[in-house]
Structure formats: structure tokens, C-alpha cells
């Protein structure tokens, strides 16, 4: 796997949660209080998930999801 995509959502308290689906029954979820901390936590989660560093994705793509609600 050369690339992995994490979907990132910001929580009400300002922290960030990132989730990547590896397969139908396998996912990686982590969180951080800032974007920089989130990136470190993603790197740590990937290192924990993959036994062999050669199997780890070389590129991480962050897909930010923003939900906005308004009344009309």
C-alpha cells in the first residue's frame, strides 16, 4: 500500500478524530488536540498497526469533513 486516506472530523471541543478503513473489518482510528498532534498520532497508529515498516503506506492523505447546519 503506497497511500492511506484518513477522514478527519473536528469535534465540538476543537480536537480532531481521524479514521482510515484498511479493509471491510479493519480500521485505524486516532485523535489529537491539534492538526500537528493528530499527524503525530496517525504516524504512531500506523507504526503500531503494521508489524513491518516496509508494509506501511508511504503517503498519508487527510480528507477533512466539515459539517455545517443552519436553519431557514
N, C-alpha and C. Protein backbone atom coordinates (compact mmCIF):
# COMPACT_ATOMS: atom_id res chain seq x y z
N UNK A 1 0.84 -1.17 0.00
CA UNK A 1 0.00 0.00 0.00
C UNK A 1 0.89 1.24 0.00
N UNK A 2 0.70 2.08 -0.97
CA UNK A 2 1.52 3.28 -1.08
C UNK A 2 0.89 4.49 -0.39
N UNK A 3 -0.45 4.49 -0.28
CA UNK A 3 -1.14 5.65 0.27
C UNK A 3 -2.31 5.18 1.14
N UNK A 4 -2.56 5.94 2.18
CA UNK A 4 -3.71 5.68 3.05
C UNK A 4 -4.45 7.00 3.24
N UNK A 5 -5.79 6.91 3.29
CA UNK A 5 -6.62 8.11 3.43
C UNK A 5 -7.32 8.07 4.79
N UNK A 6 -7.15 9.12 5.56
CA UNK A 6 -7.85 9.29 6.82
C UNK A 6 -8.91 10.35 6.65
N UNK A 7 -10.13 10.04 7.09
CA UNK A 7 -11.21 11.01 7.13
C UNK A 7 -11.11 11.70 8.48
N UNK A 8 -11.03 13.04 8.46
CA UNK A 8 -10.81 13.81 9.68
C UNK A 8 -12.03 14.68 9.96
N UNK A 9 -12.52 14.60 11.19
CA UNK A 9 -13.62 15.45 11.63
C UNK A 9 -13.20 16.18 12.90
N UNK A 10 -13.62 17.44 13.01
CA UNK A 10 -13.34 18.21 14.21
C UNK A 10 -14.49 18.04 15.20
N UNK A 11 -14.14 17.76 16.43
CA UNK A 11 -15.13 17.57 17.48
C UNK A 11 -15.57 18.93 18.03
N UNK A 12 -16.64 18.93 18.80
CA UNK A 12 -17.16 20.17 19.38
C UNK A 12 -16.14 20.86 20.29
N UNK A 13 -15.27 20.08 20.94
CA UNK A 13 -14.27 20.67 21.83
C UNK A 13 -13.04 21.18 21.09
N UNK A 14 -13.02 21.06 19.75
CA UNK A 14 -11.91 21.55 18.95
C UNK A 14 -10.87 20.50 18.60
N UNK A 15 -10.94 19.33 19.21
CA UNK A 15 -10.00 18.27 18.88
C UNK A 15 -10.38 17.63 17.55
N UNK A 16 -9.52 16.75 17.05
CA UNK A 16 -9.72 16.12 15.74
C UNK A 16 -9.69 14.61 15.89
N UNK A 17 -10.56 13.93 15.14
CA UNK A 17 -10.60 12.47 15.09
C UNK A 17 -10.36 12.06 13.64
N UNK A 18 -9.47 11.09 13.46
CA UNK A 18 -9.13 10.59 12.12
C UNK A 18 -9.41 9.09 12.05
N UNK A 19 -10.00 8.67 10.92
CA UNK A 19 -10.35 7.27 10.74
C UNK A 19 -9.99 6.83 9.33
N UNK A 20 -9.32 5.69 9.24
CA UNK A 20 -8.98 5.10 7.93
C UNK A 20 -9.49 3.67 7.90
N UNK A 21 -10.10 3.28 6.79
CA UNK A 21 -10.57 1.91 6.61
C UNK A 21 -9.53 1.14 5.81
N UNK A 22 -8.97 0.12 6.43
CA UNK A 22 -7.95 -0.71 5.79
C UNK A 22 -8.61 -1.79 4.95
N UNK A 23 -9.65 -2.39 5.51
CA UNK A 23 -10.43 -3.42 4.82
C UNK A 23 -11.85 -3.37 5.38
N UNK A 24 -12.68 -4.32 4.97
CA UNK A 24 -14.07 -4.33 5.43
C UNK A 24 -14.19 -4.42 6.95
N UNK A 25 -13.27 -5.11 7.58
CA UNK A 25 -13.37 -5.29 9.03
C UNK A 25 -12.16 -4.74 9.79
N UNK A 26 -11.40 -3.89 9.15
CA UNK A 26 -10.17 -3.37 9.76
C UNK A 26 -10.08 -1.87 9.54
N UNK A 27 -9.87 -1.14 10.65
CA UNK A 27 -9.76 0.31 10.55
C UNK A 27 -8.77 0.83 11.58
N UNK A 28 -8.31 2.04 11.35
CA UNK A 28 -7.42 2.72 12.29
C UNK A 28 -8.13 4.02 12.68
N UNK A 29 -8.26 4.24 13.98
CA UNK A 29 -8.88 5.46 14.49
C UNK A 29 -7.93 6.07 15.52
N UNK A 30 -7.72 7.38 15.42
CA UNK A 30 -6.89 8.08 16.40
C UNK A 30 -7.39 9.51 16.52
N UNK A 31 -6.85 10.23 17.49
CA UNK A 31 -7.29 11.60 17.71
C UNK A 31 -6.14 12.46 18.22
N UNK A 32 -6.32 13.77 18.08
CA UNK A 32 -5.34 14.72 18.57
C UNK A 32 -5.99 16.05 18.86
N UNK A 33 -5.37 16.83 19.72
CA UNK A 33 -5.93 18.13 20.10
C UNK A 33 -5.67 19.21 19.06
N UNK A 34 -4.71 18.99 18.18
CA UNK A 34 -4.40 19.92 17.10
C UNK A 34 -4.07 19.11 15.85
N UNK A 35 -3.96 19.78 14.72
CA UNK A 35 -3.60 19.08 13.48
C UNK A 35 -2.20 18.47 13.60
N UNK A 36 -1.27 19.22 14.17
CA UNK A 36 0.10 18.70 14.31
C UNK A 36 0.13 17.48 15.23
N UNK A 37 -0.61 17.53 16.34
CA UNK A 37 -0.67 16.38 17.24
C UNK A 37 -1.36 15.21 16.54
N UNK A 38 -2.40 15.49 15.76
CA UNK A 38 -3.10 14.44 15.03
C UNK A 38 -2.15 13.73 14.07
N UNK A 39 -1.32 14.48 13.37
CA UNK A 39 -0.36 13.87 12.45
C UNK A 39 0.60 12.94 13.18
N UNK A 40 1.06 13.36 14.36
CA UNK A 40 1.94 12.50 15.16
C UNK A 40 1.22 11.24 15.62
N UNK A 41 -0.04 11.41 16.01
CA UNK A 41 -0.83 10.27 16.47
C UNK A 41 -1.11 9.29 15.32
N UNK A 42 -1.33 9.82 14.11
CA UNK A 42 -1.54 8.96 12.94
C UNK A 42 -0.28 8.16 12.66
N UNK A 43 0.86 8.83 12.69
CA UNK A 43 2.14 8.13 12.45
C UNK A 43 2.33 7.02 13.49
N UNK A 44 2.06 7.33 14.75
CA UNK A 44 2.18 6.34 15.82
C UNK A 44 1.21 5.18 15.61
N UNK A 45 -0.03 5.49 15.23
CA UNK A 45 -1.03 4.43 14.99
C UNK A 45 -0.62 3.53 13.84
N UNK A 46 -0.06 4.11 12.78
CA UNK A 46 0.40 3.31 11.65
C UNK A 46 1.56 2.41 12.05
N UNK A 47 2.49 2.94 12.84
CA UNK A 47 3.62 2.14 13.30
C UNK A 47 3.16 0.98 14.18
N UNK A 48 2.10 1.21 14.96
CA UNK A 48 1.54 0.13 15.80
C UNK A 48 0.78 -0.89 14.97
N UNK A 49 0.09 -0.43 13.94
CA UNK A 49 -0.75 -1.31 13.13
C UNK A 49 0.07 -2.24 12.24
N UNK A 50 1.11 -1.71 11.62
CA UNK A 50 1.91 -2.50 10.69
C UNK A 50 3.13 -3.08 11.41
N UNK A 51 3.24 -4.41 11.38
CA UNK A 51 4.37 -5.08 12.03
C UNK A 51 5.68 -4.76 11.34
N UNK A 52 5.62 -4.63 10.03
CA UNK A 52 6.81 -4.42 9.22
C UNK A 52 6.77 -3.02 8.63
N UNK A 53 7.78 -2.21 8.87
CA UNK A 53 7.78 -0.82 8.40
C UNK A 53 7.72 -0.74 6.87
N UNK A 54 8.18 -1.78 6.18
CA UNK A 54 8.12 -1.79 4.72
C UNK A 54 6.68 -1.90 4.21
N UNK A 55 5.78 -2.41 5.04
CA UNK A 55 4.38 -2.55 4.66
C UNK A 55 3.57 -1.27 4.88
N UNK A 56 4.12 -0.34 5.64
CA UNK A 56 3.41 0.91 5.94
C UNK A 56 3.24 1.76 4.69
N UNK A 57 2.12 2.46 4.59
CA UNK A 57 1.94 3.40 3.47
C UNK A 57 3.01 4.49 3.53
N UNK A 58 3.43 4.94 2.37
CA UNK A 58 4.45 5.98 2.30
C UNK A 58 3.83 7.38 2.36
N UNK A 59 2.54 7.48 2.00
CA UNK A 59 1.84 8.76 1.95
C UNK A 59 0.55 8.66 2.74
N UNK A 60 0.27 9.71 3.52
CA UNK A 60 -0.99 9.81 4.26
C UNK A 60 -1.75 11.00 3.71
N UNK A 61 -2.98 10.75 3.32
CA UNK A 61 -3.85 11.82 2.82
C UNK A 61 -4.92 12.07 3.87
N UNK A 62 -5.08 13.35 4.25
CA UNK A 62 -6.11 13.72 5.22
C UNK A 62 -7.27 14.35 4.46
N UNK A 63 -8.44 13.77 4.63
CA UNK A 63 -9.66 14.29 3.99
C UNK A 63 -10.51 14.91 5.10
N UNK A 64 -10.57 16.22 5.13
CA UNK A 64 -11.29 16.94 6.18
C UNK A 64 -12.77 17.05 5.82
N UNK A 65 -13.61 16.65 6.77
CA UNK A 65 -15.06 16.72 6.61
C UNK A 65 -15.56 17.79 7.55
N UNK A 66 -16.30 18.72 7.00
CA UNK A 66 -16.87 19.79 7.81
C UNK A 66 -18.37 19.74 7.67
N UNK A 67 -19.04 19.63 8.79
CA UNK A 67 -20.49 19.62 8.78
C UNK A 67 -20.98 20.97 9.26
N UNK A 68 -21.87 21.55 8.50
CA UNK A 68 -22.44 22.84 8.86
C UNK A 68 -23.95 22.73 8.81
N UNK A 69 -24.59 23.16 9.86
CA UNK A 69 -26.04 23.10 9.94
C UNK A 69 -26.57 24.51 10.10
N UNK A 70 -27.61 24.83 9.36
CA UNK A 70 -28.24 26.14 9.52
C UNK A 70 -29.73 25.98 9.33
N UNK A 71 -30.47 26.90 9.91
CA UNK A 71 -31.92 26.86 9.80
C UNK A 71 -32.40 27.90 8.79
N UNK A 72 -33.48 27.56 8.11
CA UNK A 72 -34.05 28.51 7.13
C UNK A 72 -35.46 28.91 7.52
